[in-house]
Amino acid sequence: MLEQLSLFFLGGGAYAALELAWRGTTHWTMFAAGGACLCLLQKLAAAPLPLAGAAALGAAGVSGLELAVGAVCRGLLHTEVWDYTAEWGNVAGLICPRYSFYWFLLCGWVIFVLRGVESTVYHPQNSLSDS
């Protein structure tokens, strides 16, 4: 439970920081989305999938979550957190192929790092026997 909560807060903070660095603004809902995304990526990192497959599933999950959160922000909170209507292939101005590709790259890196943490933190005997 503590691990999941820690991942949620780490993911939320990282997602908000990434948005601040990339767009110069963020919204509290992005903290919640980021937390959920990192918990998803941790599950994918633990799955016996090739890195590219796990990254593709992660990018699809992040894009789907952004679509859902964006729709909730528009419909219930009456605010537009972001607008991708000028992007090619956008869906309701909330997601687009270009940013889904960026998520693929970022998810691949995060899953790679999480797999490294898993192998060194939770299975240190394997790291020692490799030396």
N, C-alpha and C. Protein backbone atom coordinates (compact mmCIF):
# COMPACT_ATOMS: atom_id res chain seq x y z
N MET A 1 0.83 -1.19 0.00
CA MET A 1 0.00 0.00 0.00
C MET A 1 0.87 1.26 0.00
N LEU A 2 1.91 1.26 0.85
CA LEU A 2 2.80 2.42 0.91
C LEU A 2 3.55 2.60 -0.41
N GLU A 3 3.93 1.48 -1.03
CA GLU A 3 4.62 1.57 -2.31
C GLU A 3 3.72 2.20 -3.36
N GLN A 4 2.46 1.77 -3.44
CA GLN A 4 1.52 2.33 -4.41
C GLN A 4 1.26 3.81 -4.16
N LEU A 5 1.11 4.17 -2.89
CA LEU A 5 0.88 5.57 -2.53
C LEU A 5 2.10 6.42 -2.90
N SER A 6 3.28 5.90 -2.63
CA SER A 6 4.52 6.61 -2.99
C SER A 6 4.62 6.78 -4.50
N LEU A 7 4.32 5.72 -5.25
CA LEU A 7 4.34 5.80 -6.71
C LEU A 7 3.33 6.83 -7.20
N PHE A 8 2.14 6.84 -6.60
CA PHE A 8 1.11 7.79 -7.00
C PHE A 8 1.59 9.23 -6.82
N PHE A 9 2.15 9.54 -5.66
CA PHE A 9 2.61 10.91 -5.40
C PHE A 9 3.82 11.28 -6.25
N LEU A 10 4.72 10.32 -6.47
CA LEU A 10 5.87 10.57 -7.33
C LEU A 10 5.40 10.83 -8.77
N GLY A 11 4.49 9.99 -9.25
CA GLY A 11 3.96 10.18 -10.61
C GLY A 11 3.20 11.48 -10.76
N GLY A 12 2.40 11.82 -9.76
CA GLY A 12 1.65 13.07 -9.82
C GLY A 12 2.57 14.28 -9.86
N GLY A 13 3.58 14.27 -9.01
CA GLY A 13 4.54 15.38 -9.00
C GLY A 13 5.33 15.48 -10.28
N ALA A 14 5.76 14.32 -10.79
CA ALA A 14 6.54 14.31 -12.03
C ALA A 14 5.71 14.78 -13.22
N TYR A 15 4.47 14.34 -13.29
CA TYR A 15 3.58 14.71 -14.39
C TYR A 15 3.31 16.22 -14.36
N ALA A 16 3.02 16.75 -13.18
CA ALA A 16 2.79 18.19 -13.06
C ALA A 16 4.05 18.98 -13.42
N ALA A 17 5.21 18.50 -12.96
CA ALA A 17 6.47 19.18 -13.28
C ALA A 17 6.75 19.13 -14.78
N LEU A 18 6.46 18.00 -15.41
CA LEU A 18 6.66 17.86 -16.85
C LEU A 18 5.76 18.85 -17.60
N GLU A 19 4.52 18.96 -17.18
CA GLU A 19 3.62 19.91 -17.83
C GLU A 19 4.07 21.35 -17.62
N LEU A 20 4.51 21.66 -16.42
CA LEU A 20 5.01 23.02 -16.17
C LEU A 20 6.21 23.33 -17.05
N ALA A 21 7.11 22.37 -17.18
CA ALA A 21 8.29 22.58 -18.01
C ALA A 21 7.93 22.68 -19.50
N TRP A 22 6.99 21.86 -19.96
CA TRP A 22 6.65 21.80 -21.38
C TRP A 22 5.70 22.91 -21.81
N ARG A 23 4.64 23.14 -21.02
CA ARG A 23 3.60 24.10 -21.40
C ARG A 23 3.57 25.37 -20.56
N GLY A 24 4.23 25.33 -19.42
CA GLY A 24 4.24 26.50 -18.55
C GLY A 24 3.04 26.58 -17.62
N THR A 25 2.17 25.57 -17.66
CA THR A 25 0.99 25.56 -16.80
C THR A 25 0.56 24.11 -16.57
N THR A 26 -0.23 23.90 -15.54
CA THR A 26 -0.79 22.58 -15.27
C THR A 26 -2.12 22.76 -14.54
N HIS A 27 -2.74 21.68 -14.17
CA HIS A 27 -4.03 21.69 -13.49
C HIS A 27 -3.99 20.58 -12.45
N TRP A 28 -4.71 20.72 -11.36
CA TRP A 28 -4.65 19.72 -10.30
C TRP A 28 -5.05 18.33 -10.79
N THR A 29 -5.90 18.26 -11.81
CA THR A 29 -6.31 16.96 -12.33
C THR A 29 -5.14 16.22 -12.97
N MET A 30 -4.15 16.96 -13.42
CA MET A 30 -2.98 16.33 -14.03
C MET A 30 -2.12 15.64 -12.98
N PHE A 31 -2.16 16.13 -11.75
CA PHE A 31 -1.47 15.44 -10.66
C PHE A 31 -2.10 14.06 -10.45
N ALA A 32 -3.42 14.02 -10.42
CA ALA A 32 -4.12 12.74 -10.25
C ALA A 32 -3.86 11.81 -11.44
N ALA A 33 -3.88 12.36 -12.64
CA ALA A 33 -3.63 11.55 -13.83
C ALA A 33 -2.20 11.00 -13.81
N GLY A 34 -1.25 11.82 -13.44
CA GLY A 34 0.14 11.39 -13.38
C GLY A 34 0.36 10.29 -12.36
N GLY A 35 -0.30 10.40 -11.23
CA GLY A 35 -0.19 9.35 -10.22
C GLY A 35 -0.73 8.04 -10.73
N ALA A 36 -1.87 8.08 -11.38
CA ALA A 36 -2.46 6.86 -11.94
C ALA A 36 -1.57 6.29 -13.04
N CYS A 37 -0.98 7.16 -13.84
CA CYS A 37 -0.12 6.71 -14.93
C CYS A 37 1.12 5.97 -14.41
N LEU A 38 1.76 6.50 -13.37
CA LEU A 38 2.96 5.82 -12.87
C LEU A 38 2.61 4.48 -12.24
N CYS A 39 1.47 4.39 -11.59
CA CYS A 39 1.02 3.09 -11.05
C CYS A 39 0.78 2.11 -12.19
N LEU A 40 0.20 2.56 -13.30
CA LEU A 40 0.03 1.72 -14.48
C LEU A 40 1.37 1.28 -15.03
N LEU A 41 2.30 2.20 -15.16
CA LEU A 41 3.61 1.87 -15.72
C LEU A 41 4.37 0.89 -14.84
N GLN A 42 4.18 0.97 -13.54
CA GLN A 42 4.83 0.02 -12.64
C GLN A 42 4.29 -1.38 -12.90
N LYS A 43 2.98 -1.50 -13.13
CA LYS A 43 2.39 -2.81 -13.45
C LYS A 43 2.93 -3.33 -14.78
N LEU A 44 3.08 -2.45 -15.76
CA LEU A 44 3.63 -2.85 -17.06
C LEU A 44 5.10 -3.23 -16.94
N ALA A 45 5.84 -2.55 -16.08
CA ALA A 45 7.25 -2.87 -15.88
C ALA A 45 7.41 -4.26 -15.30
N ALA A 46 6.48 -4.67 -14.47
CA ALA A 46 6.54 -5.99 -13.84
C ALA A 46 6.05 -7.10 -14.76
N ALA A 47 5.37 -6.74 -15.83
CA ALA A 47 4.82 -7.74 -16.75
C ALA A 47 5.91 -8.30 -17.66
N PRO A 48 5.78 -9.55 -18.04
CA PRO A 48 6.78 -10.17 -18.93
C PRO A 48 6.54 -9.78 -20.39
N LEU A 49 6.71 -8.51 -20.68
CA LEU A 49 6.50 -7.97 -22.02
C LEU A 49 7.80 -7.39 -22.55
N PRO A 50 8.00 -7.41 -23.86
CA PRO A 50 9.14 -6.68 -24.41
C PRO A 50 8.98 -5.18 -24.11
N LEU A 51 10.09 -4.49 -24.01
CA LEU A 51 10.04 -3.07 -23.65
C LEU A 51 9.17 -2.27 -24.61
N ALA A 52 9.30 -2.50 -25.90
CA ALA A 52 8.50 -1.73 -26.87
C ALA A 52 7.01 -2.00 -26.69
N GLY A 53 6.64 -3.24 -26.43
CA GLY A 53 5.23 -3.56 -26.21
C GLY A 53 4.69 -2.92 -24.95
N ALA A 54 5.48 -2.97 -23.88
CA ALA A 54 5.07 -2.33 -22.63
C ALA A 54 4.95 -0.82 -22.82
N ALA A 55 5.89 -0.22 -23.56
CA ALA A 55 5.85 1.22 -23.82
C ALA A 55 4.62 1.60 -24.64
N ALA A 56 4.27 0.76 -25.62
CA ALA A 56 3.09 1.02 -26.45
C ALA A 56 1.81 0.95 -25.60
N LEU A 57 1.72 -0.07 -24.74
CA LEU A 57 0.57 -0.16 -23.85
C LEU A 57 0.53 1.02 -22.89
N GLY A 58 1.69 1.43 -22.39
CA GLY A 58 1.75 2.59 -21.50
C GLY A 58 1.29 3.85 -22.20
N ALA A 59 1.76 4.06 -23.43
CA ALA A 59 1.36 5.26 -24.19
C ALA A 59 -0.14 5.25 -24.46
N ALA A 60 -0.69 4.08 -24.76
CA ALA A 60 -2.13 3.98 -24.98
C ALA A 60 -2.89 4.28 -23.69
N GLY A 61 -2.38 3.77 -22.57
CA GLY A 61 -3.02 4.02 -21.28
C GLY A 61 -2.96 5.49 -20.89
N VAL A 62 -1.81 6.11 -21.08
CA VAL A 62 -1.67 7.54 -20.76
C VAL A 62 -2.57 8.37 -21.65
N SER A 63 -2.57 8.07 -22.94
CA SER A 63 -3.42 8.83 -23.88
C SER A 63 -4.90 8.65 -23.54
N GLY A 64 -5.29 7.42 -23.22
CA GLY A 64 -6.68 7.16 -22.83
C GLY A 64 -7.06 7.90 -21.57
N LEU A 65 -6.15 7.92 -20.61
CA LEU A 65 -6.41 8.63 -19.37
C LEU A 65 -6.50 10.13 -19.62
N GLU A 66 -5.62 10.66 -20.48
CA GLU A 66 -5.70 12.09 -20.81
C GLU A 66 -7.02 12.42 -21.52
N LEU A 67 -7.48 11.53 -22.38
CA LEU A 67 -8.76 11.74 -23.04
C LEU A 67 -9.89 11.77 -22.01
N ALA A 68 -9.89 10.83 -21.10
CA ALA A 68 -10.94 10.77 -20.08
C ALA A 68 -10.89 11.98 -19.15
N VAL A 69 -9.69 12.32 -18.66
CA VAL A 69 -9.56 13.46 -17.74
C VAL A 69 -9.93 14.76 -18.46
N GLY A 70 -9.48 14.89 -19.71
CA GLY A 70 -9.83 16.09 -20.48
C GLY A 70 -11.33 16.22 -20.68
N ALA A 71 -12.00 15.11 -20.95
CA ALA A 71 -13.46 15.13 -21.13
C ALA A 71 -14.17 15.49 -19.83
N VAL A 72 -13.68 14.95 -18.72
CA VAL A 72 -14.27 15.28 -17.41
C VAL A 72 -14.04 16.76 -17.09
N CYS A 73 -12.85 17.26 -17.37
CA CYS A 73 -12.57 18.67 -17.11
C CYS A 73 -13.51 19.57 -17.91
N ARG A 74 -13.73 19.23 -19.17
CA ARG A 74 -14.64 20.02 -20.00
C ARG A 74 -16.09 19.88 -19.55
N GLY A 75 -16.52 18.64 -19.33
CA GLY A 75 -17.93 18.39 -19.06
C GLY A 75 -18.38 18.74 -17.66
N LEU A 76 -17.58 18.37 -16.66
CA LEU A 76 -17.99 18.57 -15.27
C LEU A 76 -17.39 19.83 -14.63
N LEU A 77 -16.13 20.10 -14.95
CA LEU A 77 -15.46 21.25 -14.32
C LEU A 77 -15.53 22.51 -15.18
N HIS A 78 -16.03 22.35 -16.40
CA HIS A 78 -16.18 23.49 -17.33
C HIS A 78 -14.88 24.25 -17.52
N THR A 79 -13.81 23.51 -17.71
CA THR A 79 -12.51 24.10 -17.97
C THR A 79 -11.80 23.28 -19.03
N GLU A 80 -11.00 23.95 -19.85
CA GLU A 80 -10.19 23.26 -20.84
C GLU A 80 -8.75 23.30 -20.35
N VAL A 81 -8.25 22.13 -20.00
CA VAL A 81 -6.89 22.05 -19.47
C VAL A 81 -5.87 22.17 -20.59
N TRP A 82 -6.16 21.61 -21.76
CA TRP A 82 -5.30 21.74 -22.92
C TRP A 82 -6.16 21.65 -24.17
N ASP A 83 -5.58 22.03 -25.32
CA ASP A 83 -6.33 22.04 -26.57
C ASP A 83 -5.40 21.63 -27.72
N TYR A 84 -5.64 20.46 -28.27
CA TYR A 84 -4.84 19.95 -29.37
C TYR A 84 -5.60 20.01 -30.70
N THR A 85 -6.58 20.90 -30.82
CA THR A 85 -7.38 20.95 -32.05
C THR A 85 -6.53 21.30 -33.27
N ALA A 86 -5.42 21.97 -33.10
CA ALA A 86 -4.55 22.33 -34.23
C ALA A 86 -3.63 21.17 -34.64
N GLU A 87 -3.60 20.11 -33.85
CA GLU A 87 -2.73 18.97 -34.13
C GLU A 87 -3.41 17.99 -35.08
N TRP A 88 -2.61 17.41 -35.98
CA TRP A 88 -3.13 16.40 -36.92
C TRP A 88 -3.63 15.18 -36.15
N GLY A 89 -4.77 14.65 -36.58
CA GLY A 89 -5.30 13.41 -36.03
C GLY A 89 -5.83 13.51 -34.61
N ASN A 90 -6.11 14.71 -34.16
CA ASN A 90 -6.57 14.87 -32.77
C ASN A 90 -7.95 14.26 -32.56
N VAL A 91 -8.19 13.86 -31.33
CA VAL A 91 -9.49 13.33 -30.92
C VAL A 91 -10.09 14.34 -29.95
N ALA A 92 -11.12 15.07 -30.40
CA ALA A 92 -11.81 16.07 -29.60
C ALA A 92 -10.87 17.15 -29.06
N GLY A 93 -9.70 17.31 -29.67
CA GLY A 93 -8.73 18.29 -29.21
C GLY A 93 -8.05 17.89 -27.90
N LEU A 94 -8.26 16.65 -27.46
CA LEU A 94 -7.74 16.22 -26.16
C LEU A 94 -6.52 15.32 -26.25
N ILE A 95 -6.41 14.55 -27.31
CA ILE A 95 -5.21 13.73 -27.54
C ILE A 95 -4.89 13.78 -29.02
N CYS A 96 -3.65 13.43 -29.38
CA CYS A 96 -3.25 13.42 -30.78
C CYS A 96 -2.08 12.45 -30.95
N PRO A 97 -1.86 11.99 -32.17
CA PRO A 97 -0.78 11.02 -32.41
C PRO A 97 0.61 11.52 -32.01
N ARG A 98 0.90 12.79 -32.24
CA ARG A 98 2.23 13.31 -31.92
C ARG A 98 2.54 13.15 -30.44
N TYR A 99 1.61 13.55 -29.59
CA TYR A 99 1.85 13.44 -28.15
C TYR A 99 1.76 12.00 -27.66
N SER A 100 0.98 11.18 -28.31
CA SER A 100 0.97 9.76 -27.97
C SER A 100 2.33 9.14 -28.27
N PHE A 101 2.97 9.57 -29.36
CA PHE A 101 4.33 9.10 -29.66
C PHE A 101 5.31 9.57 -28.59
N TYR A 102 5.19 10.82 -28.17
CA TYR A 102 6.05 11.31 -27.08
C TYR A 102 5.84 10.47 -25.82
N TRP A 103 4.58 10.12 -25.54
CA TRP A 103 4.29 9.28 -24.37
C TRP A 103 4.92 7.90 -24.54
N PHE A 104 4.92 7.37 -25.76
CA PHE A 104 5.56 6.08 -26.02
C PHE A 104 7.04 6.15 -25.63
N LEU A 105 7.73 7.19 -26.06
CA LEU A 105 9.16 7.34 -25.74
C LEU A 105 9.36 7.48 -24.23
N LEU A 106 8.56 8.32 -23.60
CA LEU A 106 8.72 8.54 -22.16
C LEU A 106 8.34 7.29 -21.38
N CYS A 107 7.27 6.62 -21.77
CA CYS A 107 6.87 5.39 -21.07
C CYS A 107 7.95 4.32 -21.20
N GLY A 108 8.56 4.22 -22.37
CA GLY A 108 9.65 3.26 -22.55
C GLY A 108 10.79 3.52 -21.58
N TRP A 109 11.17 4.78 -21.45
CA TRP A 109 12.25 5.13 -20.52
C TRP A 109 11.86 4.83 -19.07
N VAL A 110 10.64 5.22 -18.69
CA VAL A 110 10.18 5.00 -17.31
C VAL A 110 10.11 3.50 -17.00
N ILE A 111 9.58 2.72 -17.91
CA ILE A 111 9.50 1.27 -17.69
C ILE A 111 10.89 0.66 -17.60
N PHE A 112 11.81 1.11 -18.43
CA PHE A 112 13.20 0.65 -18.37
C PHE A 112 13.79 0.93 -17.00
N VAL A 113 13.59 2.14 -16.49
CA VAL A 113 14.09 2.52 -15.16
C VAL A 113 13.41 1.70 -14.08
N LEU A 114 12.10 1.55 -14.16
CA LEU A 114 11.38 0.78 -13.15
C LEU A 114 11.83 -0.68 -13.13
N ARG A 115 12.12 -1.24 -14.28
CA ARG A 115 12.63 -2.61 -14.32
C ARG A 115 14.00 -2.71 -13.68
N GLY A 116 14.82 -1.69 -13.85
CA GLY A 116 16.12 -1.66 -13.20
C GLY A 116 15.99 -1.55 -11.69
N VAL A 117 15.06 -0.72 -11.22
CA VAL A 117 14.81 -0.58 -9.79
C VAL A 117 14.31 -1.90 -9.23
N GLU A 118 13.40 -2.53 -9.93
CA GLU A 118 12.84 -3.82 -9.50
C GLU A 118 13.95 -4.85 -9.32
N SER A 119 14.86 -4.90 -10.28
CA SER A 119 15.88 -5.94 -10.22
C SER A 119 16.94 -5.65 -9.16
N THR A 120 17.21 -4.39 -8.87
CA THR A 120 18.25 -4.09 -7.87
C THR A 120 17.70 -3.94 -6.45
N VAL A 121 16.46 -3.45 -6.31
CA VAL A 121 15.90 -3.24 -4.98
C VAL A 121 15.24 -4.50 -4.44
N TYR A 122 14.46 -5.15 -5.29
CA TYR A 122 13.68 -6.29 -4.81
C TYR A 122 14.37 -7.64 -5.01
N HIS A 123 15.39 -7.66 -5.85
CA HIS A 123 16.13 -8.90 -6.09
C HIS A 123 17.64 -8.62 -6.07
N PRO A 124 18.16 -8.06 -4.98
CA PRO A 124 19.57 -7.67 -4.95
C PRO A 124 20.52 -8.86 -5.07
N GLN A 125 20.10 -10.05 -4.67
CA GLN A 125 20.98 -11.21 -4.76
C GLN A 125 21.35 -11.49 -6.23
N ASN A 126 20.45 -11.20 -7.16
CA ASN A 126 20.76 -11.38 -8.58
C ASN A 126 21.84 -10.41 -9.01
N SER A 127 21.80 -9.18 -8.49
CA SER A 127 22.80 -8.18 -8.85
C SER A 127 24.16 -8.57 -8.30
N LEU A 128 24.19 -9.12 -7.09
CA LEU A 128 25.46 -9.50 -6.47
C LEU A 128 26.05 -10.73 -7.15
N SER A 129 25.24 -11.66 -7.55
CA SER A 129 25.76 -12.88 -8.17
C SER A 129 26.26 -12.62 -9.59
N ASP A 130 25.82 -11.52 -10.21
CA ASP A 130 26.28 -11.17 -11.56
C ASP A 130 27.69 -10.59 -11.54
N SER A 131 28.16 -10.14 -10.38
CA SER A 131 29.47 -9.49 -10.29
C SER A 131 30.60 -10.47 -10.37
